[in-house]
């Protein structure tokens, strides 16, 4: 079977794209989550120039289910700091 190499994932290109992203990025990881683990999320955050990492205490892979109130407050606070997307 012949592979289409032009459509293959290019890690260097992906890192360059993330580094050039001029937008705020919120990475929210659950403290007990399995993917990504908080230390991996921290590494990912370094790839974005305007990243903010939050680790939700006591949460697993689905922090919005583990503590919906904390999750909502975290996202709302991020958006309130001027990170809300503009529409129009």
PDB file of N, CA and C in Angstrom:
ATOM      1  N   UNK A   1       0.838  -1.178   0.000  1.00  0.00           N
ATOM      2  CA  UNK A   1       0.000   0.000   0.000  1.00  0.00           C
ATOM      3  C   UNK A   1       0.886   1.245   0.000  1.00  0.00           C
ATOM      4  N   UNK A   2       0.624   2.140  -0.860  1.00  0.00           N
ATOM      5  CA  UNK A   2       1.410   3.363  -0.986  1.00  0.00           C
ATOM      6  C   UNK A   2       0.891   4.441  -0.017  1.00  0.00           C
ATOM      7  N   UNK A   3       1.799   5.061   0.696  1.00  0.00           N
ATOM      8  CA  UNK A   3       1.421   6.107   1.638  1.00  0.00           C
ATOM      9  C   UNK A   3       1.557   7.479   0.994  1.00  0.00           C
ATOM     10  N   UNK A   4       0.665   8.368   1.364  1.00  0.00           N
ATOM     11  CA  UNK A   4       0.723   9.755   0.900  1.00  0.00           C
ATOM     12  C   UNK A   4       1.557  10.543   1.909  1.00  0.00           C
ATOM     13  N   UNK A   5       2.829  10.666   1.666  1.00  0.00           N
ATOM     14  CA  UNK A   5       3.724  11.352   2.599  1.00  0.00           C
ATOM     15  C   UNK A   5       3.419  12.842   2.713  1.00  0.00           C
ATOM     16  N   UNK A   6       2.857  13.462   1.693  1.00  0.00           N
ATOM     17  CA  UNK A   6       2.579  14.894   1.756  1.00  0.00           C
ATOM     18  C   UNK A   6       1.494  15.207   2.779  1.00  0.00           C
ATOM     19  N   UNK A   7       0.680  14.229   3.137  1.00  0.00           N
ATOM     20  CA  UNK A   7      -0.382  14.445   4.115  1.00  0.00           C
ATOM     21  C   UNK A   7       0.021  13.969   5.505  1.00  0.00           C
ATOM     22  N   UNK A   8       1.252  13.509   5.662  1.00  0.00           N
ATOM     23  CA  UNK A   8       1.715  13.000   6.946  1.00  0.00           C
ATOM     24  C   UNK A   8       1.904  14.139   7.941  1.00  0.00           C
ATOM     25  N   UNK A   9       1.768  13.822   9.185  1.00  0.00           N
ATOM     26  CA  UNK A   9       1.968  14.799  10.250  1.00  0.00           C
ATOM     27  C   UNK A   9       3.426  15.238  10.272  1.00  0.00           C
ATOM     28  N   UNK A  10       3.640  16.523  10.345  1.00  0.00           N
ATOM     29  CA  UNK A  10       4.992  17.087  10.370  1.00  0.00           C
ATOM     30  C   UNK A  10       5.175  17.798  11.712  1.00  0.00           C
ATOM     31  N   UNK A  11       5.809  17.149  12.683  1.00  0.00           N
ATOM     32  CA  UNK A  11       5.961  17.758  14.007  1.00  0.00           C
ATOM     33  C   UNK A  11       6.628  19.128  13.984  1.00  0.00           C
ATOM     34  N   UNK A  12       7.638  19.307  13.167  1.00  0.00           N
ATOM     35  CA  UNK A  12       8.330  20.604  13.120  1.00  0.00           C
ATOM     36  C   UNK A  12       7.391  21.692  12.616  1.00  0.00           C
ATOM     37  N   UNK A  13       6.599  21.378  11.613  1.00  0.00           N
ATOM     38  CA  UNK A  13       5.642  22.359  11.087  1.00  0.00           C
ATOM     39  C   UNK A  13       4.559  22.667  12.118  1.00  0.00           C
ATOM     40  N   UNK A  14       4.122  21.653  12.843  1.00  0.00           N
ATOM     41  CA  UNK A  14       3.106  21.873  13.875  1.00  0.00           C
ATOM     42  C   UNK A  14       3.650  22.766  14.992  1.00  0.00           C
ATOM     43  N   UNK A  15       4.884  22.510  15.424  1.00  0.00           N
ATOM     44  CA  UNK A  15       5.498  23.347  16.466  1.00  0.00           C
ATOM     45  C   UNK A  15       5.668  24.790  15.985  1.00  0.00           C
ATOM     46  N   UNK A  16       6.062  24.953  14.740  1.00  0.00           N
ATOM     47  CA  UNK A  16       6.223  26.305  14.188  1.00  0.00           C
ATOM     48  C   UNK A  16       4.888  27.027  14.135  1.00  0.00           C
ATOM     49  N   UNK A  17       3.841  26.315  13.764  1.00  0.00           N
ATOM     50  CA  UNK A  17       2.507  26.930  13.708  1.00  0.00           C
ATOM     51  C   UNK A  17       2.047  27.350  15.097  1.00  0.00           C
ATOM     52  N   UNK A  18       2.280  26.497  16.093  1.00  0.00           N
ATOM     53  CA  UNK A  18       1.890  26.842  17.459  1.00  0.00           C
ATOM     54  C   UNK A  18       2.694  28.031  17.965  1.00  0.00           C
ATOM     55  N   UNK A  19       3.969  28.078  17.653  1.00  0.00           N
ATOM     56  CA  UNK A  19       4.828  29.173  18.110  1.00  0.00           C
ATOM     57  C   UNK A  19       4.438  30.501  17.493  1.00  0.00           C
ATOM     58  N   UNK A  20       3.813  30.458  16.321  1.00  0.00           N
ATOM     59  CA  UNK A  20       3.432  31.700  15.648  1.00  0.00           C
ATOM     60  C   UNK A  20       1.994  32.114  15.938  1.00  0.00           C
ATOM     61  N   UNK A  21       1.281  31.328  16.725  1.00  0.00           N
ATOM     62  CA  UNK A  21      -0.116  31.635  17.037  1.00  0.00           C
ATOM     63  C   UNK A  21      -0.187  32.842  17.960  1.00  0.00           C
ATOM     64  N   UNK A  22      -0.798  33.901  17.480  1.00  0.00           N
ATOM     65  CA  UNK A  22      -0.928  35.117  18.289  1.00  0.00           C
ATOM     66  C   UNK A  22      -2.331  35.177  18.891  1.00  0.00           C
ATOM     67  N   UNK A  23      -2.614  34.210  19.730  1.00  0.00           N
ATOM     68  CA  UNK A  23      -3.916  34.137  20.392  1.00  0.00           C
ATOM     69  C   UNK A  23      -3.705  33.516  21.768  1.00  0.00           C
ATOM     70  N   UNK A  24      -4.491  33.932  22.736  1.00  0.00           N
ATOM     71  CA  UNK A  24      -4.390  33.306  24.048  1.00  0.00           C
ATOM     72  C   UNK A  24      -4.901  31.865  23.977  1.00  0.00           C
ATOM     73  N   UNK A  25      -4.237  30.994  24.701  1.00  0.00           N
ATOM     74  CA  UNK A  25      -4.591  29.575  24.719  1.00  0.00           C
ATOM     75  C   UNK A  25      -4.700  29.141  26.171  1.00  0.00           C
ATOM     76  N   UNK A  26      -5.820  28.522  26.506  1.00  0.00           N
ATOM     77  CA  UNK A  26      -5.996  27.962  27.846  1.00  0.00           C
ATOM     78  C   UNK A  26      -5.836  26.454  27.750  1.00  0.00           C
ATOM     79  N   UNK A  27      -4.888  25.916  28.485  1.00  0.00           N
ATOM     80  CA  UNK A  27      -4.745  24.474  28.623  1.00  0.00           C
ATOM     81  C   UNK A  27      -5.208  24.136  30.024  1.00  0.00           C
ATOM     82  N   UNK A  28      -6.204  23.277  30.109  1.00  0.00           N
ATOM     83  CA  UNK A  28      -6.759  22.905  31.397  1.00  0.00           C
ATOM     84  C   UNK A  28      -6.628  21.394  31.540  1.00  0.00           C
ATOM     85  N   UNK A  29      -5.829  20.959  32.486  1.00  0.00           N
ATOM     86  CA  UNK A  29      -5.604  19.535  32.721  1.00  0.00           C
ATOM     87  C   UNK A  29      -6.156  19.162  34.085  1.00  0.00           C
ATOM     88  N   UNK A  30      -6.676  17.961  34.173  1.00  0.00           N
ATOM     89  CA  UNK A  30      -7.093  17.437  35.464  1.00  0.00           C
ATOM     90  C   UNK A  30      -5.887  16.905  36.217  1.00  0.00           C
ATOM     91  N   UNK A  31      -5.823  17.190  37.487  1.00  0.00           N
ATOM     92  CA  UNK A  31      -4.694  16.744  38.314  1.00  0.00           C
ATOM     93  C   UNK A  31      -4.487  15.225  38.222  1.00  0.00           C
ATOM     94  N   UNK A  32      -5.578  14.489  38.117  1.00  0.00           N
ATOM     95  CA  UNK A  32      -5.504  13.032  38.104  1.00  0.00           C
ATOM     96  C   UNK A  32      -5.730  12.461  36.711  1.00  0.00           C
ATOM     97  N   UNK A  33      -5.768  13.323  35.716  1.00  0.00           N
ATOM     98  CA  UNK A  33      -6.056  12.891  34.349  1.00  0.00           C
ATOM     99  C   UNK A  33      -4.947  12.040  33.765  1.00  0.00           C
ATOM    100  N   UNK A  34      -5.339  11.217  32.807  1.00  0.00           N
ATOM    101  CA  UNK A  34      -4.359  10.351  32.158  1.00  0.00           C
ATOM    102  C   UNK A  34      -3.924  10.881  30.802  1.00  0.00           C
ATOM    103  N   UNK A  35      -4.556  11.911  30.344  1.00  0.00           N
ATOM    104  CA  UNK A  35      -4.158  12.437  29.046  1.00  0.00           C
ATOM    105  C   UNK A  35      -4.760  13.805  28.793  1.00  0.00           C
ATOM    106  N   UNK A  36      -3.950  14.816  28.728  1.00  0.00           N
ATOM    107  CA  UNK A  36      -2.538  14.745  29.099  1.00  0.00           C
ATOM    108  C   UNK A  36      -2.354  14.892  30.605  1.00  0.00           C
ATOM    109  N   UNK A  37      -1.344  14.243  31.118  1.00  0.00           N
ATOM    110  CA  UNK A  37      -0.967  14.417  32.521  1.00  0.00           C
ATOM    111  C   UNK A  37      -0.538  15.874  32.708  1.00  0.00           C
ATOM    112  N   UNK A  38      -0.658  16.419  33.899  1.00  0.00           N
ATOM    113  CA  UNK A  38      -0.299  17.821  34.109  1.00  0.00           C
ATOM    114  C   UNK A  38       1.110  18.186  33.633  1.00  0.00           C
ATOM    115  N   UNK A  39       2.091  17.332  33.834  1.00  0.00           N
ATOM    116  CA  UNK A  39       3.449  17.676  33.394  1.00  0.00           C
ATOM    117  C   UNK A  39       3.545  17.696  31.867  1.00  0.00           C
ATOM    118  N   UNK A  40       2.753  16.882  31.188  1.00  0.00           N
ATOM    119  CA  UNK A  40       2.725  16.908  29.722  1.00  0.00           C
ATOM    120  C   UNK A  40       2.024  18.173  29.250  1.00  0.00           C
ATOM    121  N   UNK A  41       0.922  18.536  29.908  1.00  0.00           N
ATOM    122  CA  UNK A  41       0.215  19.773  29.563  1.00  0.00           C
ATOM    123  C   UNK A  41       1.140  20.977  29.752  1.00  0.00           C
ATOM    124  N   UNK A  42       1.980  20.948  30.781  1.00  0.00           N
ATOM    125  CA  UNK A  42       2.937  22.032  31.003  1.00  0.00           C
ATOM    126  C   UNK A  42       3.929  22.120  29.855  1.00  0.00           C
ATOM    127  N   UNK A  43       4.379  20.976  29.370  1.00  0.00           N
ATOM    128  CA  UNK A  43       5.287  20.972  28.213  1.00  0.00           C
ATOM    129  C   UNK A  43       4.595  21.522  26.976  1.00  0.00           C
ATOM    130  N   UNK A  44       3.341  21.137  26.774  1.00  0.00           N
ATOM    131  CA  UNK A  44       2.575  21.625  25.626  1.00  0.00           C
ATOM    132  C   UNK A  44       2.407  23.135  25.716  1.00  0.00           C
ATOM    133  N   UNK A  45       2.163  23.638  26.911  1.00  0.00           N
ATOM    134  CA  UNK A  45       1.968  25.080  27.097  1.00  0.00           C
ATOM    135  C   UNK A  45       3.179  25.880  26.637  1.00  0.00           C
ATOM    136  N   UNK A  46       4.363  25.304  26.756  1.00  0.00           N
ATOM    137  CA  UNK A  46       5.567  26.038  26.348  1.00  0.00           C
ATOM    138  C   UNK A  46       5.634  26.238  24.835  1.00  0.00           C
ATOM    139  N   UNK A  47       4.824  25.501  24.093  1.00  0.00           N
ATOM    140  CA  UNK A  47       4.837  25.609  22.635  1.00  0.00           C
ATOM    141  C   UNK A  47       4.062  26.825  22.131  1.00  0.00           C
ATOM    142  N   UNK A  48       3.195  27.374  22.971  1.00  0.00           N
ATOM    143  CA  UNK A  48       2.374  28.525  22.597  1.00  0.00           C
ATOM    144  C   UNK A  48       2.906  29.777  23.287  1.00  0.00           C
ATOM    145  N   UNK A  49       3.068  30.867  22.551  1.00  0.00           N
ATOM    146  CA  UNK A  49       3.611  32.077  23.181  1.00  0.00           C
ATOM    147  C   UNK A  49       2.677  32.715  24.209  1.00  0.00           C
ATOM    148  N   UNK A  50       1.370  32.484  24.091  1.00  0.00           N
ATOM    149  CA  UNK A  50       0.421  33.116  25.011  1.00  0.00           C
ATOM    150  C   UNK A  50      -0.424  32.077  25.737  1.00  0.00           C
ATOM    151  N   UNK A  51       0.206  30.987  26.147  1.00  0.00           N
ATOM    152  CA  UNK A  51      -0.521  29.911  26.817  1.00  0.00           C
ATOM    153  C   UNK A  51      -0.651  30.165  28.307  1.00  0.00           C
ATOM    154  N   UNK A  52      -1.751  29.680  28.836  1.00  0.00           N
ATOM    155  CA  UNK A  52      -1.989  29.702  30.274  1.00  0.00           C
ATOM    156  C   UNK A  52      -2.380  28.278  30.660  1.00  0.00           C
ATOM    157  N   UNK A  53      -1.687  27.715  31.620  1.00  0.00           N
ATOM    158  CA  UNK A  53      -1.965  26.360  32.075  1.00  0.00           C
ATOM    159  C   UNK A  53      -2.662  26.402  33.415  1.00  0.00           C
ATOM    160  N   UNK A  54      -3.722  25.638  33.536  1.00  0.00           N
ATOM    161  CA  UNK A  54      -4.415  25.454  34.806  1.00  0.00           C
ATOM    162  C   UNK A  54      -4.562  23.958  35.037  1.00  0.00           C
ATOM    163  N   UNK A  55      -4.218  23.517  36.222  1.00  0.00           N
ATOM    164  CA  UNK A  55      -4.425  22.130  36.613  1.00  0.00           C
ATOM    165  C   UNK A  55      -5.554  22.125  37.639  1.00  0.00           C
ATOM    166  N   UNK A  56      -6.626  21.428  37.303  1.00  0.00           N
ATOM    167  CA  UNK A  56      -7.798  21.394  38.173  1.00  0.00           C
ATOM    168  C   UNK A  56      -7.607  20.316  39.239  1.00  0.00           C
ATOM    169  N   UNK A  57      -7.526  20.722  40.511  1.00  0.00           N
ATOM    170  CA  UNK A  57      -7.300  19.767  41.598  1.00  0.00           C
ATOM    171  C   UNK A  57      -8.406  18.709  41.677  1.00  0.00           C
ATOM    172  N   UNK A  58      -7.989  17.476  41.889  1.00  0.00           N
ATOM    173  CA  UNK A  58      -8.939  16.387  42.102  1.00  0.00           C
ATOM    174  C   UNK A  58      -9.663  15.914  40.858  1.00  0.00           C
ATOM    175  N   UNK A  59      -9.398  16.518  39.721  1.00  0.00           N
ATOM    176  CA  UNK A  59     -10.106  16.164  38.496  1.00  0.00           C
ATOM    177  C   UNK A  59      -9.315  15.140  37.699  1.00  0.00           C
ATOM    178  N   UNK A  60     -10.048  14.355  36.939  1.00  0.00           N
ATOM    179  CA  UNK A  60      -9.428  13.383  36.053  1.00  0.00           C
ATOM    180  C   UNK A  60      -9.454  13.872  34.616  1.00  0.00           C
ATOM    181  N   UNK A  61      -9.728  12.953  33.711  1.00  0.00           N
ATOM    182  CA  UNK A  61      -9.706  13.251  32.281  1.00  0.00           C
ATOM    183  C   UNK A  61     -10.868  14.144  31.852  1.00  0.00           C
ATOM    184  N   UNK A  62     -11.925  14.172  32.625  1.00  0.00           N
ATOM    185  CA  UNK A  62     -13.107  14.984  32.298  1.00  0.00           C
ATOM    186  C   UNK A  62     -13.360  16.001  33.406  1.00  0.00           C
ATOM    187  N   UNK A  63     -12.548  17.049  33.482  1.00  0.00           N
ATOM    188  CA  UNK A  63     -12.680  17.994  34.601  1.00  0.00           C
ATOM    189  C   UNK A  63     -14.029  18.697  34.646  1.00  0.00           C
ATOM    190  N   UNK A  64     -14.694  18.848  33.516  1.00  0.00           N
ATOM    191  CA  UNK A  64     -16.001  19.492  33.484  1.00  0.00           C
ATOM    192  C   UNK A  64     -17.056  18.615  34.141  1.00  0.00           C
ATOM    193  N   UNK A  65     -16.811  17.311  34.240  1.00  0.00           N
ATOM    194  CA  UNK A  65     -17.733  16.415  34.938  1.00  0.00           C
ATOM    195  C   UNK A  65     -17.340  16.246  36.403  1.00  0.00           C
ATOM    196  N   UNK A  66     -16.048  16.233  36.674  1.00  0.00           N
ATOM    197  CA  UNK A  66     -15.568  16.022  38.039  1.00  0.00           C
ATOM    198  C   UNK A  66     -15.914  17.181  38.960  1.00  0.00           C
ATOM    199  N   UNK A  67     -15.831  18.382  38.449  1.00  0.00           N
ATOM    200  CA  UNK A  67     -16.178  19.573  39.239  1.00  0.00           C
ATOM    201  C   UNK A  67     -16.623  20.663  38.267  1.00  0.00           C
ATOM    202  N   UNK A  68     -17.886  20.571  37.827  1.00  0.00           N
ATOM    203  CA  UNK A  68     -18.367  21.519  36.814  1.00  0.00           C
ATOM    204  C   UNK A  68     -18.241  22.989  37.244  1.00  0.00           C
ATOM    205  N   UNK A  69     -18.459  23.260  38.513  1.00  0.00           N
ATOM    206  CA  UNK A  69     -18.374  24.637  38.985  1.00  0.00           C
ATOM    207  C   UNK A  69     -16.970  25.200  38.853  1.00  0.00           C
ATOM    208  N   UNK A  70     -15.975  24.445  39.284  1.00  0.00           N
ATOM    209  CA  UNK A  70     -14.585  24.908  39.189  1.00  0.00           C
ATOM    210  C   UNK A  70     -14.176  25.057  37.730  1.00  0.00           C
ATOM    211  N   UNK A  71     -14.557  24.087  36.912  1.00  0.00           N
ATOM    212  CA  UNK A  71     -14.225  24.148  35.491  1.00  0.00           C
ATOM    213  C   UNK A  71     -14.822  25.404  34.859  1.00  0.00           C
ATOM    214  N   UNK A  72     -16.086  25.653  35.136  1.00  0.00           N
ATOM    215  CA  UNK A  72     -16.771  26.822  34.567  1.00  0.00           C
ATOM    216  C   UNK A  72     -16.133  28.116  35.054  1.00  0.00           C
ATOM    217  N   UNK A  73     -15.802  28.184  36.327  1.00  0.00           N
ATOM    218  CA  UNK A  73     -15.155  29.393  36.860  1.00  0.00           C
ATOM    219  C   UNK A  73     -13.796  29.619  36.207  1.00  0.00           C
ATOM    220  N   UNK A  74     -13.046  28.552  35.982  1.00  0.00           N
ATOM    221  CA  UNK A  74     -11.722  28.679  35.363  1.00  0.00           C
ATOM    222  C   UNK A  74     -11.837  29.217  33.943  1.00  0.00           C
ATOM    223  N   UNK A  75     -12.730  28.634  33.165  1.00  0.00           N
ATOM    224  CA  UNK A  75     -12.902  29.078  31.775  1.00  0.00           C
ATOM    225  C   UNK A  75     -13.468  30.495  31.741  1.00  0.00           C
ATOM    226  N   UNK A  76     -14.440  30.787  32.602  1.00  0.00           N
ATOM    227  CA  UNK A  76     -15.035  32.121  32.634  1.00  0.00           C
ATOM    228  C   UNK A  76     -13.990  33.174  33.017  1.00  0.00           C
ATOM    229  N   UNK A  77     -13.132  32.855  33.972  1.00  0.00           N
ATOM    230  CA  UNK A  77     -12.085  33.800  34.375  1.00  0.00           C
ATOM    231  C   UNK A  77     -11.111  34.051  33.225  1.00  0.00           C
ATOM    232  N   UNK A  78     -10.749  32.995  32.502  1.00  0.00           N
ATOM    233  CA  UNK A  78      -9.869  33.133  31.341  1.00  0.00           C
ATOM    234  C   UNK A  78     -10.508  34.068  30.311  1.00  0.00           C
ATOM    235  N   UNK A  79     -11.767  33.849  30.027  1.00  0.00           N
ATOM    236  CA  UNK A  79     -12.462  34.687  29.042  1.00  0.00           C
ATOM    237  C   UNK A  79     -12.642  36.119  29.553  1.00  0.00           C
ATOM    238  N   UNK A  80     -12.867  36.269  30.844  1.00  0.00           N
ATOM    239  CA  UNK A  80     -13.062  37.600  31.413  1.00  0.00           C
ATOM    240  C   UNK A  80     -11.792  38.451  31.356  1.00  0.00           C
ATOM    241  N   UNK A  81     -10.644  37.808  31.284  1.00  0.00           N
ATOM    242  CA  UNK A  81      -9.387  38.550  31.200  1.00  0.00           C
ATOM    243  C   UNK A  81      -9.139  39.061  29.774  1.00  0.00           C
ATOM    244  N   UNK A  82     -10.167  39.061  28.984  1.00  0.00           N
ATOM    245  CA  UNK A  82     -10.051  39.596  27.633  1.00  0.00           C
ATOM    246  C   UNK A  82      -9.734  38.555  26.597  1.00  0.00           C
ATOM    247  N   UNK A  83      -9.917  37.296  26.927  1.00  0.00           N
ATOM    248  CA  UNK A  83      -9.594  36.230  25.993  1.00  0.00           C
ATOM    249  C   UNK A  83     -10.829  35.713  25.255  1.00  0.00           C
ATOM    250  N   UNK A  84     -11.964  36.359  25.436  1.00  0.00           N
ATOM    251  CA  UNK A  84     -13.169  35.899  24.741  1.00  0.00           C
ATOM    252  C   UNK A  84     -13.027  36.135  23.249  1.00  0.00           C
ATOM    253  N   UNK A  85     -13.464  35.178  22.449  1.00  0.00           N
ATOM    254  CA  UNK A  85     -13.374  35.363  21.000  1.00  0.00           C
ATOM    255  C   UNK A  85     -14.316  36.466  20.551  1.00  0.00           C
ATOM    256  N   UNK A  86     -13.906  37.223  19.544  1.00  0.00           N
ATOM    257  CA  UNK A  86     -14.794  38.250  18.991  1.00  0.00           C
ATOM    258  C   UNK A  86     -15.611  37.631  17.882  1.00  0.00           C
ATOM    259  N   UNK A  87     -16.841  38.023  17.798  1.00  0.00           N
ATOM    260  CA  UNK A  87     -17.746  37.497  16.778  1.00  0.00           C
ATOM    261  C   UNK A  87     -18.131  38.664  15.857  1.00  0.00           C
ATOM    262  N   UNK A  88     -17.991  38.400  14.588  1.00  0.00           N
ATOM    263  CA  UNK A  88     -18.448  39.416  13.650  1.00  0.00           C
ATOM    264  C   UNK A  88     -17.426  39.979  12.783  1.00  0.00           C
TER     265      UNK A  88
END
